[in-house]
Amino acid sequence: MASLESREVRATFSPGTTGTPVEEQRRGWEEAVSGVILPSTITITAVDVAGIPSEWVASSAQPAGDTVVLYVHGGGFTAGSPKTHRELAARLVEASGSRLLVIDYRLAPESRCPAAVDDVVTAYRWLLDTGLAPQQIAFAGESSGAALIMAALVQLREAGAPLPAAVALISPWVDLTMSGPTIESRAEVDPLTTKAGLTEASRYYLGDRDPGDPMASPLFADLQSLPPTLIHVGDHEILLSDSLQLAEKLRAAGVDVQLDIWDEMWHVWHGWAAAVPEARQAIVQIGQFLRERLAAVAR
């Protein structure tokens, strides 16, 4: 059963509406996080990643490690930034013991698919160019950011590039055709995400591109030879099918995958860690997964 705290937070939700201008959505999210206070041990450092504005998130309370998590935020391909994800990034730094690089990739509709995928590829290659080995790098991201990660991994593999040590995905949205059964079957219990909202976001991102194109919907890509992957998803998400099907396809392709379905949780509940114990527990689990995988390949 979900915690009392999670039920109290959930009671404050209302499903998003469609038709809100993208700029207004972005501005609203930035304003919503303006009062967030990070631990005094967390440092935020701006960095130019081959032309992509980005942030290093690190902790002075931990030894300066030699491992990095490239974090790709969500926001329906149209919103979000390193600023909106600083609190989650800070918690992941503390849980994983690694620095996080959070990139401000190009957003739709100004830059449509595959611009953001290309930015993830560019950021990873930039990390390699700094002297880091692939074994010192992991990918993590949520929602639409997870789609960008998976598409970037496929692109990197096809180019013959060495892949990172591990991948952690939170509530991945990897099927823009929205053909999974839980799009309908979880519609009454999902407190945040709607099919109409996803449809609007995908239209901004895709333009005239086929939503079944593997670059846009990596669920339909060849997933062989990808890194060990952890997937978190809530049982009350309309996007539950994306995680179930992605895990099944990864296993069929021979990839080491761990799928954790969290009872009564919603889309990216990790973002409510200040109030929700399940969010804190989930972040600790992701951090442990990343620690173990990065340590394992370093030996």
Protein backbone atom coordinates (compact mmCIF):
# COMPACT_ATOMS: atom_id res chain seq x y z
CA MET A 1 0.00 0.00 0.00
CA ALA A 2 1.20 3.49 -0.80
CA SER A 3 2.34 5.68 2.07
CA LEU A 4 0.08 8.25 3.71
CA GLU A 5 2.46 10.96 2.47
CA SER A 6 2.12 9.82 -1.13
CA ARG A 7 -1.66 9.75 -0.87
CA GLU A 8 -1.66 13.29 0.55
CA VAL A 9 0.53 14.55 -2.29
CA ARG A 10 -1.53 12.70 -4.86
CA ALA A 11 -4.70 14.39 -3.62
CA THR A 12 -3.29 17.74 -4.75
CA PHE A 13 -2.91 16.66 -8.39
CA SER A 14 -5.09 17.45 -11.34
CA PRO A 15 -4.41 16.07 -14.83
CA GLY A 16 -2.72 18.52 -17.14
CA THR A 17 -4.73 20.36 -19.73
CA THR A 18 -3.92 20.71 -23.40
CA GLY A 19 -3.63 23.88 -25.41
CA THR A 20 -1.35 25.77 -23.01
CA PRO A 21 1.34 27.56 -25.05
CA VAL A 22 4.73 25.90 -24.79
CA GLU A 23 6.42 29.06 -23.53
CA GLU A 24 3.86 29.32 -20.76
CA GLN A 25 4.46 25.68 -19.77
CA ARG A 26 8.20 26.26 -19.60
CA ARG A 27 7.84 29.46 -17.61
CA GLY A 28 5.43 27.84 -15.18
CA TRP A 29 7.79 24.95 -14.48
CA GLU A 30 10.72 27.28 -13.89
CA GLU A 31 8.62 29.37 -11.50
CA ALA A 32 7.44 26.26 -9.65
CA VAL A 33 11.00 25.29 -8.71
CA SER A 34 12.24 28.81 -7.97
CA GLY A 35 11.94 28.26 -4.22
CA VAL A 36 13.83 24.96 -4.10
CA ILE A 37 16.77 25.07 -1.68
CA LEU A 38 19.53 22.58 -2.35
CA PRO A 39 21.80 21.16 0.35
CA SER A 40 24.78 23.39 1.07
CA THR A 41 27.07 20.57 -0.05
CA ILE A 42 25.68 20.61 -3.60
CA THR A 43 27.48 22.69 -6.19
CA ILE A 44 26.03 23.76 -9.55
CA THR A 45 28.54 24.73 -12.23
CA ALA A 46 27.58 25.93 -15.70
CA VAL A 47 29.47 24.28 -18.55
CA ASP A 48 29.40 24.52 -22.34
CA VAL A 49 29.19 21.00 -23.75
CA ALA A 50 30.14 21.38 -27.40
CA GLY A 51 27.66 24.24 -27.71
CA ILE A 52 24.98 22.71 -25.46
CA PRO A 53 24.37 24.75 -22.28
CA SER A 54 24.68 22.31 -19.38
CA GLU A 55 25.29 22.01 -15.66
CA TRP A 56 27.60 19.95 -13.53
CA VAL A 57 25.88 18.90 -10.30
CA ALA A 58 28.29 17.64 -7.65
CA SER A 59 28.64 17.23 -3.89
CA SER A 60 31.46 18.57 -1.76
CA ALA A 61 30.49 16.05 0.92
CA GLN A 62 31.79 13.18 -1.18
CA PRO A 63 35.26 12.55 -2.59
CA ALA A 64 35.56 13.85 -6.12
CA GLY A 65 34.95 10.60 -7.97
CA ASP A 66 35.89 9.73 -11.49
CA THR A 67 32.42 8.56 -12.55
CA VAL A 68 29.77 10.63 -14.29
CA VAL A 69 26.04 10.21 -14.89
CA LEU A 70 24.78 11.95 -18.03
CA TYR A 71 21.24 12.96 -17.04
CA VAL A 72 18.59 13.64 -19.70
CA HIS A 73 15.52 15.35 -18.24
CA GLY A 74 11.93 14.82 -19.26
CA GLY A 75 9.22 17.33 -20.09
CA GLY A 76 7.40 15.92 -23.09
CA PHE A 77 10.25 16.97 -25.43
CA THR A 78 8.99 20.56 -25.12
CA ALA A 79 9.86 21.73 -21.61
CA GLY A 80 12.25 21.21 -18.72
CA SER A 81 15.85 22.26 -18.19
CA PRO A 82 18.79 21.66 -15.87
CA LYS A 83 17.21 24.25 -13.56
CA THR A 84 13.89 22.41 -13.27
CA HIS A 85 15.73 19.20 -12.39
CA ARG A 86 18.32 20.46 -9.91
CA GLU A 87 16.65 18.93 -6.85
CA LEU A 88 16.32 15.49 -8.45
CA ALA A 89 19.85 15.74 -9.81
CA ALA A 90 21.20 16.66 -6.37
CA ARG A 91 19.53 13.65 -4.80
CA LEU A 92 20.92 11.37 -7.50
CA VAL A 93 24.41 12.77 -6.93
CA GLU A 94 24.15 11.90 -3.25
CA ALA A 95 22.70 8.46 -3.96
CA SER A 96 25.08 7.45 -6.75
CA GLY A 97 28.34 9.03 -5.59
CA SER A 98 28.87 10.34 -9.12
CA ARG A 99 28.80 13.80 -10.63
CA LEU A 100 25.81 14.50 -12.84
CA LEU A 101 26.00 16.31 -16.16
CA VAL A 102 22.54 17.68 -16.97
CA ILE A 103 22.24 18.98 -20.51
CA ASP A 104 19.90 21.68 -21.79
CA TYR A 105 19.15 19.91 -25.05
CA ARG A 106 17.13 21.51 -27.83
CA LEU A 107 13.37 21.46 -27.29
CA ALA A 108 10.41 21.08 -29.62
CA PRO A 109 8.68 22.55 -31.48
CA GLU A 110 11.60 24.85 -32.29
CA SER A 111 13.83 21.79 -32.79
CA ARG A 112 12.08 18.59 -33.69
CA CYS A 113 13.19 14.95 -33.69
CA PRO A 114 16.05 14.01 -33.90
CA ALA A 115 17.72 17.25 -32.71
CA ALA A 116 17.51 16.34 -29.01
CA VAL A 117 18.80 12.82 -29.71
CA ASP A 118 21.76 14.33 -31.52
CA ASP A 119 22.44 16.53 -28.48
CA VAL A 120 22.59 13.48 -26.18
CA VAL A 121 25.04 11.81 -28.58
CA THR A 122 27.12 15.00 -28.71
CA ALA A 123 27.21 15.26 -24.91
CA TYR A 124 28.35 11.66 -24.52
CA ARG A 125 31.08 12.08 -27.11
CA TRP A 126 32.14 15.29 -25.33
CA LEU A 127 32.53 13.33 -22.09
CA LEU A 128 34.70 10.79 -23.90
CA ASP A 129 36.77 13.61 -25.35
CA THR A 130 37.49 14.89 -21.82
CA GLY A 131 39.32 11.65 -21.16
CA LEU A 132 36.62 9.64 -19.44
CA ALA A 133 36.34 5.99 -20.42
CA PRO A 134 32.90 4.59 -21.34
CA GLN A 135 33.13 2.43 -18.21
CA GLN A 136 33.15 5.60 -16.11
CA ILE A 137 29.89 6.92 -17.56
CA ALA A 138 26.25 5.99 -17.03
CA PHE A 139 23.07 7.42 -18.55
CA ALA A 140 19.94 8.29 -16.57
CA GLY A 141 16.75 10.12 -17.42
CA GLU A 142 13.00 10.21 -17.10
CA SER A 143 9.93 10.17 -19.34
CA SER A 144 10.72 11.69 -22.75
CA GLY A 145 14.35 11.94 -21.65
CA ALA A 146 14.39 8.14 -21.49
CA ALA A 147 13.31 8.00 -25.13
CA LEU A 148 16.17 10.32 -26.06
CA ILE A 149 18.60 8.10 -24.15
CA MET A 150 17.47 4.91 -25.85
CA ALA A 151 17.52 6.48 -29.31
CA ALA A 152 20.98 7.93 -28.64
CA LEU A 153 22.30 4.54 -27.49
CA VAL A 154 21.07 2.92 -30.69
CA GLN A 155 22.65 5.68 -32.75
CA LEU A 156 25.96 5.31 -30.88
CA ARG A 157 25.95 1.53 -31.28
CA GLU A 158 25.25 1.81 -34.99
CA ALA A 159 28.18 4.20 -35.30
CA GLY A 160 30.46 1.70 -33.58
CA ALA A 161 31.01 3.90 -30.51
CA PRO A 162 31.73 2.30 -27.13
CA LEU A 163 28.66 2.43 -24.90
CA PRO A 164 28.33 3.58 -21.27
CA ALA A 165 28.40 1.22 -18.32
CA ALA A 166 24.73 1.38 -17.35
CA VAL A 167 21.37 3.03 -17.95
CA ALA A 168 18.67 4.03 -15.45
CA LEU A 169 15.25 4.99 -16.81
CA ILE A 170 12.39 6.52 -14.84
CA SER A 171 8.86 6.20 -16.26
CA PRO A 172 10.14 5.92 -19.84
CA TRP A 173 7.98 7.16 -22.72
CA VAL A 174 9.39 5.16 -25.61
CA ASP A 175 6.32 4.48 -27.76
CA LEU A 176 4.96 7.64 -29.35
CA THR A 177 2.33 5.62 -31.23
CA MET A 178 0.77 5.19 -27.78
CA SER A 179 -0.37 1.71 -28.72
CA GLY A 180 0.25 0.11 -25.31
CA PRO A 181 -2.85 -1.21 -23.53
CA THR A 182 -2.31 0.76 -20.31
CA ILE A 183 -2.83 4.02 -22.19
CA GLU A 184 -6.50 3.12 -21.81
CA SER A 185 -6.58 0.67 -18.90
CA ARG A 186 -4.77 2.99 -16.46
CA ALA A 187 -6.50 6.17 -17.61
CA GLU A 188 -8.84 6.23 -14.59
CA VAL A 189 -6.08 5.83 -12.00
CA ASP A 190 -3.27 7.94 -13.48
CA PRO A 191 -3.46 11.26 -11.59
CA LEU A 192 -1.15 13.26 -13.86
CA THR A 193 -0.70 12.00 -17.41
CA THR A 194 -3.35 11.91 -20.13
CA LYS A 195 -3.40 10.53 -23.63
CA ALA A 196 -4.46 13.96 -24.91
CA GLY A 197 -1.43 15.57 -23.28
CA LEU A 198 0.93 12.97 -24.72
CA THR A 199 -0.63 13.37 -28.14
CA GLU A 200 -0.09 17.13 -28.06
CA ALA A 201 3.53 16.77 -26.95
CA SER A 202 4.31 14.15 -29.58
CA ARG A 203 2.85 16.36 -32.30
CA TYR A 204 5.18 19.18 -31.27
CA TYR A 205 8.16 16.83 -31.25
CA LEU A 206 7.45 14.81 -34.37
CA GLY A 207 6.13 17.29 -36.88
CA ASP A 208 5.56 15.15 -39.99
CA ARG A 209 7.71 12.25 -38.74
CA ASP A 210 6.06 8.84 -38.33
CA PRO A 211 5.55 8.20 -34.57
CA GLY A 212 6.58 4.60 -35.20
CA ASP A 213 10.02 5.67 -36.45
CA PRO A 214 12.54 3.98 -34.10
CA MET A 215 14.42 7.28 -33.76
CA ALA A 216 11.28 8.77 -32.19
CA SER A 217 9.95 5.60 -30.56
CA PRO A 218 12.97 3.49 -29.60
CA LEU A 219 10.69 0.71 -28.39
CA PHE A 220 10.66 -0.31 -32.07
CA ALA A 221 14.45 -0.13 -32.52
CA ASP A 222 16.96 -2.97 -32.53
CA LEU A 223 18.01 -3.06 -28.87
CA GLN A 224 20.83 -5.58 -29.04
CA SER A 225 24.12 -5.00 -27.21
CA LEU A 226 22.87 -2.15 -25.06
CA PRO A 227 24.15 -1.59 -21.50
CA PRO A 228 22.60 -3.07 -18.34
CA THR A 229 19.38 -1.19 -17.70
CA LEU A 230 17.22 -0.40 -14.68
CA ILE A 231 13.62 0.68 -15.32
CA HIS A 232 11.35 2.28 -12.71
CA VAL A 233 7.66 2.72 -13.41
CA GLY A 234 4.53 3.30 -11.35
CA ASP A 235 1.67 0.82 -11.44
CA HIS A 236 -0.80 3.69 -11.92
CA GLU A 237 0.84 5.16 -15.01
CA ILE A 238 -0.83 5.11 -18.40
CA LEU A 239 2.73 4.63 -19.70
CA LEU A 240 3.18 1.39 -17.75
CA SER A 241 3.00 -0.54 -21.04
CA ASP A 242 6.05 1.31 -22.34
CA SER A 243 8.15 -0.02 -19.48
CA LEU A 244 6.73 -3.54 -19.66
CA GLN A 245 7.29 -3.80 -23.39
CA LEU A 246 10.70 -2.14 -23.28
CA ALA A 247 11.90 -4.58 -20.60
CA GLU A 248 10.56 -7.50 -22.64
CA LYS A 249 12.33 -6.32 -25.79
CA LEU A 250 15.58 -5.69 -23.97
CA ARG A 251 15.53 -9.19 -22.46
CA ALA A 252 14.76 -10.71 -25.84
CA ALA A 253 17.77 -8.84 -27.23
CA GLY A 254 20.00 -10.30 -24.53
CA VAL A 255 20.33 -7.12 -22.46
CA ASP A 256 20.61 -7.32 -18.67
CA VAL A 257 17.47 -5.50 -17.51
CA GLN A 258 15.81 -4.94 -14.14
CA LEU A 259 12.19 -3.74 -14.13
CA ASP A 260 10.72 -2.42 -10.89
CA ILE A 261 7.01 -1.60 -10.78
CA TRP A 262 6.10 0.60 -7.81
CA ASP A 263 2.68 0.09 -6.26
CA GLU A 264 0.24 3.00 -6.74
CA MET A 265 2.94 5.36 -7.98
CA TRP A 266 2.47 7.94 -10.70
CA HIS A 267 4.60 9.32 -13.54
CA VAL A 268 8.11 10.23 -12.29
CA TRP A 269 7.11 10.19 -8.63
CA HIS A 270 10.84 10.59 -7.90
CA GLY A 271 10.34 14.32 -8.36
CA TRP A 272 8.39 14.52 -5.08
CA ALA A 273 11.20 13.16 -2.91
CA ALA A 274 10.95 16.02 -0.42
CA ALA A 275 7.53 14.73 0.67
CA VAL A 276 7.12 11.14 -0.57
CA PRO A 277 9.10 8.28 1.03
CA GLU A 278 8.64 6.04 -2.02
CA ALA A 279 10.41 8.69 -4.09
CA ARG A 280 13.36 8.79 -1.72
CA GLN A 281 13.53 4.99 -1.68
CA ALA A 282 13.44 4.85 -5.46
CA ILE A 283 16.26 7.38 -5.81
CA VAL A 284 18.40 5.42 -3.34
CA GLN A 285 17.78 2.27 -5.38
CA ILE A 286 18.80 3.99 -8.61
CA GLY A 287 21.90 5.32 -6.90
CA GLN A 288 22.84 1.85 -5.68
CA PHE A 289 22.33 0.40 -9.15
CA LEU A 290 24.59 3.04 -10.68
CA ARG A 291 27.23 2.61 -7.96
CA GLU A 292 27.32 -1.15 -8.47
CA ARG A 293 27.47 -1.00 -12.24
CA LEU A 294 30.11 1.69 -12.41
CA ALA A 295 32.19 -0.12 -9.78
CA ALA A 296 31.79 -3.48 -11.51
CA VAL A 297 33.18 -2.31 -14.84
CA ALA A 298 36.00 -0.42 -13.12
CA ARG A 299 37.37 -3.63 -11.58
